Amino acid sequence: MGLGGISPWSLLLILVIILLLFGTKRLRNMGSDLGETFKNFKQSMKSGEEETSEQVSQQPPQNVPGGRVIDAEAKEKDKV
């Protein structure tokens, strides 16, 4: 027995029927379209992660428990 009770011969027969119905050219086109879809999905996920990390780095500095903001300008004002 093969996958889920389907024998290898049954899988081969299904593959032959699919080839007869769609033809090799159409199956090749569907495969390349599917590959492009995955490629675009990976690129969007990567760009989304980059945008998120940029947003996190551009957030204003967090308040310190003492109520003072720590950044270069605040330190300069404290010195004066």
N, C-alpha and C. Protein backbone atom coordinates (compact mmCIF):
# COMPACT_ATOMS: atom_id res chain seq x y z
N MET A 1 0.83 -1.19 0.00
CA MET A 1 0.00 0.00 0.00
C MET A 1 0.87 1.24 0.00
N GLY A 2 0.42 2.27 -0.68
CA GLY A 2 1.16 3.52 -0.76
C GLY A 2 0.63 4.54 0.22
N LEU A 3 0.54 5.75 -0.23
CA LEU A 3 0.08 6.85 0.60
C LEU A 3 -1.43 6.76 0.84
N GLY A 4 -1.82 6.62 2.08
CA GLY A 4 -3.24 6.63 2.42
C GLY A 4 -4.05 5.54 1.76
N GLY A 5 -3.45 4.40 1.49
CA GLY A 5 -4.17 3.29 0.88
C GLY A 5 -4.18 3.33 -0.64
N ILE A 6 -3.49 4.29 -1.24
CA ILE A 6 -3.43 4.37 -2.71
C ILE A 6 -2.13 3.71 -3.16
N SER A 7 -2.26 2.77 -4.06
CA SER A 7 -1.07 2.05 -4.52
C SER A 7 -0.28 2.93 -5.51
N PRO A 8 0.99 2.62 -5.69
CA PRO A 8 1.80 3.38 -6.67
C PRO A 8 1.23 3.32 -8.08
N TRP A 9 0.62 2.20 -8.43
CA TRP A 9 0.04 2.10 -9.77
C TRP A 9 -1.14 3.05 -9.93
N SER A 10 -1.93 3.21 -8.87
CA SER A 10 -3.05 4.15 -8.92
C SER A 10 -2.55 5.58 -9.08
N LEU A 11 -1.48 5.93 -8.35
CA LEU A 11 -0.90 7.27 -8.48
C LEU A 11 -0.38 7.50 -9.89
N LEU A 12 0.24 6.48 -10.49
CA LEU A 12 0.74 6.60 -11.85
C LEU A 12 -0.41 6.79 -12.84
N LEU A 13 -1.49 6.06 -12.64
CA LEU A 13 -2.66 6.19 -13.50
C LEU A 13 -3.26 7.60 -13.38
N ILE A 14 -3.34 8.12 -12.17
CA ILE A 14 -3.85 9.48 -11.97
C ILE A 14 -2.96 10.50 -12.67
N LEU A 15 -1.65 10.32 -12.58
CA LEU A 15 -0.71 11.23 -13.25
C LEU A 15 -0.90 11.18 -14.76
N VAL A 16 -1.07 10.00 -15.34
CA VAL A 16 -1.29 9.88 -16.79
C VAL A 16 -2.58 10.57 -17.20
N ILE A 17 -3.63 10.40 -16.43
CA ILE A 17 -4.92 11.05 -16.74
C ILE A 17 -4.77 12.56 -16.69
N ILE A 18 -4.06 13.07 -15.68
CA ILE A 18 -3.84 14.52 -15.57
C ILE A 18 -3.06 15.03 -16.78
N LEU A 19 -2.03 14.28 -17.19
CA LEU A 19 -1.26 14.68 -18.37
C LEU A 19 -2.12 14.70 -19.62
N LEU A 20 -3.01 13.73 -19.76
CA LEU A 20 -3.88 13.69 -20.94
C LEU A 20 -4.89 14.84 -20.93
N LEU A 21 -5.39 15.18 -19.75
CA LEU A 21 -6.39 16.25 -19.66
C LEU A 21 -5.78 17.63 -19.91
N PHE A 22 -4.65 17.91 -19.29
CA PHE A 22 -4.09 19.25 -19.36
C PHE A 22 -2.98 19.40 -20.39
N GLY A 23 -2.23 18.37 -20.65
CA GLY A 23 -1.10 18.48 -21.56
C GLY A 23 0.13 18.99 -20.85
N THR A 24 1.29 18.67 -21.40
CA THR A 24 2.54 19.02 -20.73
C THR A 24 2.79 20.53 -20.73
N LYS A 25 2.40 21.22 -21.80
CA LYS A 25 2.65 22.66 -21.87
C LYS A 25 1.87 23.41 -20.79
N ARG A 26 0.61 23.08 -20.64
CA ARG A 26 -0.21 23.76 -19.64
C ARG A 26 0.26 23.43 -18.23
N LEU A 27 0.66 22.17 -17.98
CA LEU A 27 1.18 21.81 -16.66
C LEU A 27 2.48 22.54 -16.37
N ARG A 28 3.33 22.69 -17.38
CA ARG A 28 4.58 23.43 -17.20
C ARG A 28 4.29 24.89 -16.87
N ASN A 29 3.32 25.48 -17.56
CA ASN A 29 2.94 26.88 -17.28
C ASN A 29 2.37 27.02 -15.87
N MET A 30 1.55 26.07 -15.45
CA MET A 30 1.00 26.14 -14.10
C MET A 30 2.11 26.00 -13.06
N GLY A 31 3.08 25.15 -13.35
CA GLY A 31 4.21 24.98 -12.43
C GLY A 31 5.04 26.24 -12.31
N SER A 32 5.30 26.89 -13.44
CA SER A 32 6.08 28.13 -13.39
C SER A 32 5.29 29.25 -12.71
N ASP A 33 3.99 29.30 -12.95
CA ASP A 33 3.15 30.29 -12.26
C ASP A 33 3.15 30.07 -10.76
N LEU A 34 3.09 28.81 -10.35
CA LEU A 34 3.12 28.49 -8.93
C LEU A 34 4.46 28.88 -8.32
N GLY A 35 5.55 28.64 -9.06
CA GLY A 35 6.88 29.03 -8.59
C GLY A 35 7.00 30.54 -8.44
N GLU A 36 6.47 31.29 -9.38
CA GLU A 36 6.48 32.76 -9.31
C GLU A 36 5.67 33.24 -8.10
N THR A 37 4.56 32.57 -7.84
CA THR A 37 3.73 32.95 -6.70
C THR A 37 4.50 32.79 -5.40
N PHE A 38 5.19 31.65 -5.24
CA PHE A 38 5.97 31.43 -4.03
C PHE A 38 7.12 32.43 -3.93
N LYS A 39 7.74 32.75 -5.05
CA LYS A 39 8.85 33.71 -5.06
C LYS A 39 8.37 35.09 -4.62
N ASN A 40 7.23 35.53 -5.16
CA ASN A 40 6.67 36.83 -4.79
C ASN A 40 6.24 36.85 -3.32
N PHE A 41 5.70 35.73 -2.85
CA PHE A 41 5.29 35.65 -1.45
C PHE A 41 6.49 35.79 -0.52
N LYS A 42 7.58 35.11 -0.84
CA LYS A 42 8.79 35.21 -0.02
C LYS A 42 9.34 36.63 -0.03
N GLN A 43 9.33 37.29 -1.20
CA GLN A 43 9.82 38.67 -1.28
C GLN A 43 8.95 39.60 -0.44
N SER A 44 7.61 39.41 -0.48
CA SER A 44 6.75 40.29 0.32
C SER A 44 6.94 40.05 1.80
N MET A 45 7.15 38.80 2.20
CA MET A 45 7.40 38.52 3.62
C MET A 45 8.70 39.18 4.06
N LYS A 46 9.73 39.12 3.21
CA LYS A 46 11.02 39.71 3.55
C LYS A 46 10.90 41.23 3.65
N SER A 47 10.21 41.86 2.68
CA SER A 47 10.06 43.31 2.73
C SER A 47 9.19 43.74 3.91
N GLY A 48 8.21 42.93 4.27
CA GLY A 48 7.38 43.24 5.44
C GLY A 48 8.19 43.19 6.72
N GLU A 49 9.10 42.23 6.83
CA GLU A 49 9.96 42.15 8.01
C GLU A 49 10.90 43.35 8.07
N GLU A 50 11.41 43.78 6.91
CA GLU A 50 12.30 44.94 6.87
C GLU A 50 11.55 46.21 7.29
N GLU A 51 10.31 46.36 6.80
CA GLU A 51 9.52 47.54 7.18
C GLU A 51 9.24 47.55 8.67
N THR A 52 8.94 46.38 9.22
CA THR A 52 8.66 46.28 10.65
C THR A 52 9.89 46.65 11.46
N SER A 53 11.06 46.16 11.05
CA SER A 53 12.28 46.48 11.80
C SER A 53 12.63 47.96 11.67
N GLU A 54 12.33 48.58 10.52
CA GLU A 54 12.57 50.01 10.35
C GLU A 54 11.63 50.82 11.26
N GLN A 55 10.39 50.39 11.37
CA GLN A 55 9.44 51.09 12.22
C GLN A 55 9.85 51.01 13.68
N VAL A 56 10.36 49.86 14.08
CA VAL A 56 10.80 49.69 15.46
C VAL A 56 12.00 50.58 15.73
N SER A 57 12.94 50.67 14.77
CA SER A 57 14.13 51.49 14.99
C SER A 57 13.81 52.98 14.94
N GLN A 58 12.71 53.39 14.29
CA GLN A 58 12.37 54.80 14.19
C GLN A 58 11.45 55.27 15.32
N GLN A 59 11.06 54.38 16.23
CA GLN A 59 10.20 54.78 17.33
C GLN A 59 10.95 55.73 18.25
N PRO A 60 10.24 56.66 18.88
CA PRO A 60 10.91 57.58 19.80
C PRO A 60 11.48 56.80 20.99
N PRO A 61 12.48 57.36 21.64
CA PRO A 61 13.08 56.67 22.78
C PRO A 61 12.07 56.43 23.89
N GLN A 62 12.25 55.34 24.58
CA GLN A 62 11.35 54.98 25.67
C GLN A 62 11.65 55.84 26.91
N ASN A 63 10.63 56.06 27.69
CA ASN A 63 10.82 56.81 28.94
C ASN A 63 11.52 55.93 29.96
N VAL A 64 12.37 56.55 30.71
CA VAL A 64 13.08 55.86 31.79
C VAL A 64 12.20 55.94 33.03
N PRO A 65 12.28 54.97 33.95
CA PRO A 65 11.41 55.00 35.13
C PRO A 65 11.45 56.32 35.89
N GLY A 66 12.56 57.06 35.84
CA GLY A 66 12.66 58.34 36.54
C GLY A 66 11.88 59.44 35.84
N GLY A 67 11.29 59.17 34.69
CA GLY A 67 10.49 60.16 33.98
C GLY A 67 11.29 60.97 32.98
N ARG A 68 12.57 60.68 32.79
CA ARG A 68 13.39 61.43 31.84
C ARG A 68 13.60 60.61 30.58
N VAL A 69 13.65 61.30 29.47
CA VAL A 69 13.89 60.65 28.19
C VAL A 69 15.39 60.63 27.95
N ILE A 70 15.90 59.46 27.57
CA ILE A 70 17.33 59.36 27.32
C ILE A 70 17.57 59.45 25.81
N ASP A 71 18.19 60.50 25.39
CA ASP A 71 18.68 60.64 24.03
C ASP A 71 19.74 61.74 24.03
N ALA A 72 20.34 62.00 22.89
CA ALA A 72 21.46 62.92 22.80
C ALA A 72 21.03 64.35 23.17
N GLU A 73 19.84 64.76 22.71
CA GLU A 73 19.38 66.13 22.98
C GLU A 73 19.12 66.33 24.45
N ALA A 74 18.53 65.37 25.12
CA ALA A 74 18.28 65.52 26.56
C ALA A 74 19.56 65.61 27.35
N LYS A 75 20.55 64.84 26.94
CA LYS A 75 21.84 64.91 27.63
C LYS A 75 22.50 66.26 27.44
N GLU A 76 22.38 66.82 26.24
CA GLU A 76 22.95 68.14 25.96
C GLU A 76 22.27 69.20 26.81
N LYS A 77 20.96 69.13 26.96
CA LYS A 77 20.23 70.11 27.77
C LYS A 77 20.62 70.01 29.23
N ASP A 78 20.87 68.79 29.69
CA ASP A 78 21.28 68.59 31.08
C ASP A 78 22.64 69.20 31.35
N LYS A 79 23.53 69.19 30.36
CA LYS A 79 24.88 69.72 30.53
C LYS A 79 24.87 71.24 30.63
N VAL A 80 23.95 71.88 29.93
CA VAL A 80 23.90 73.35 29.87
C VAL A 80 23.33 73.94 31.08
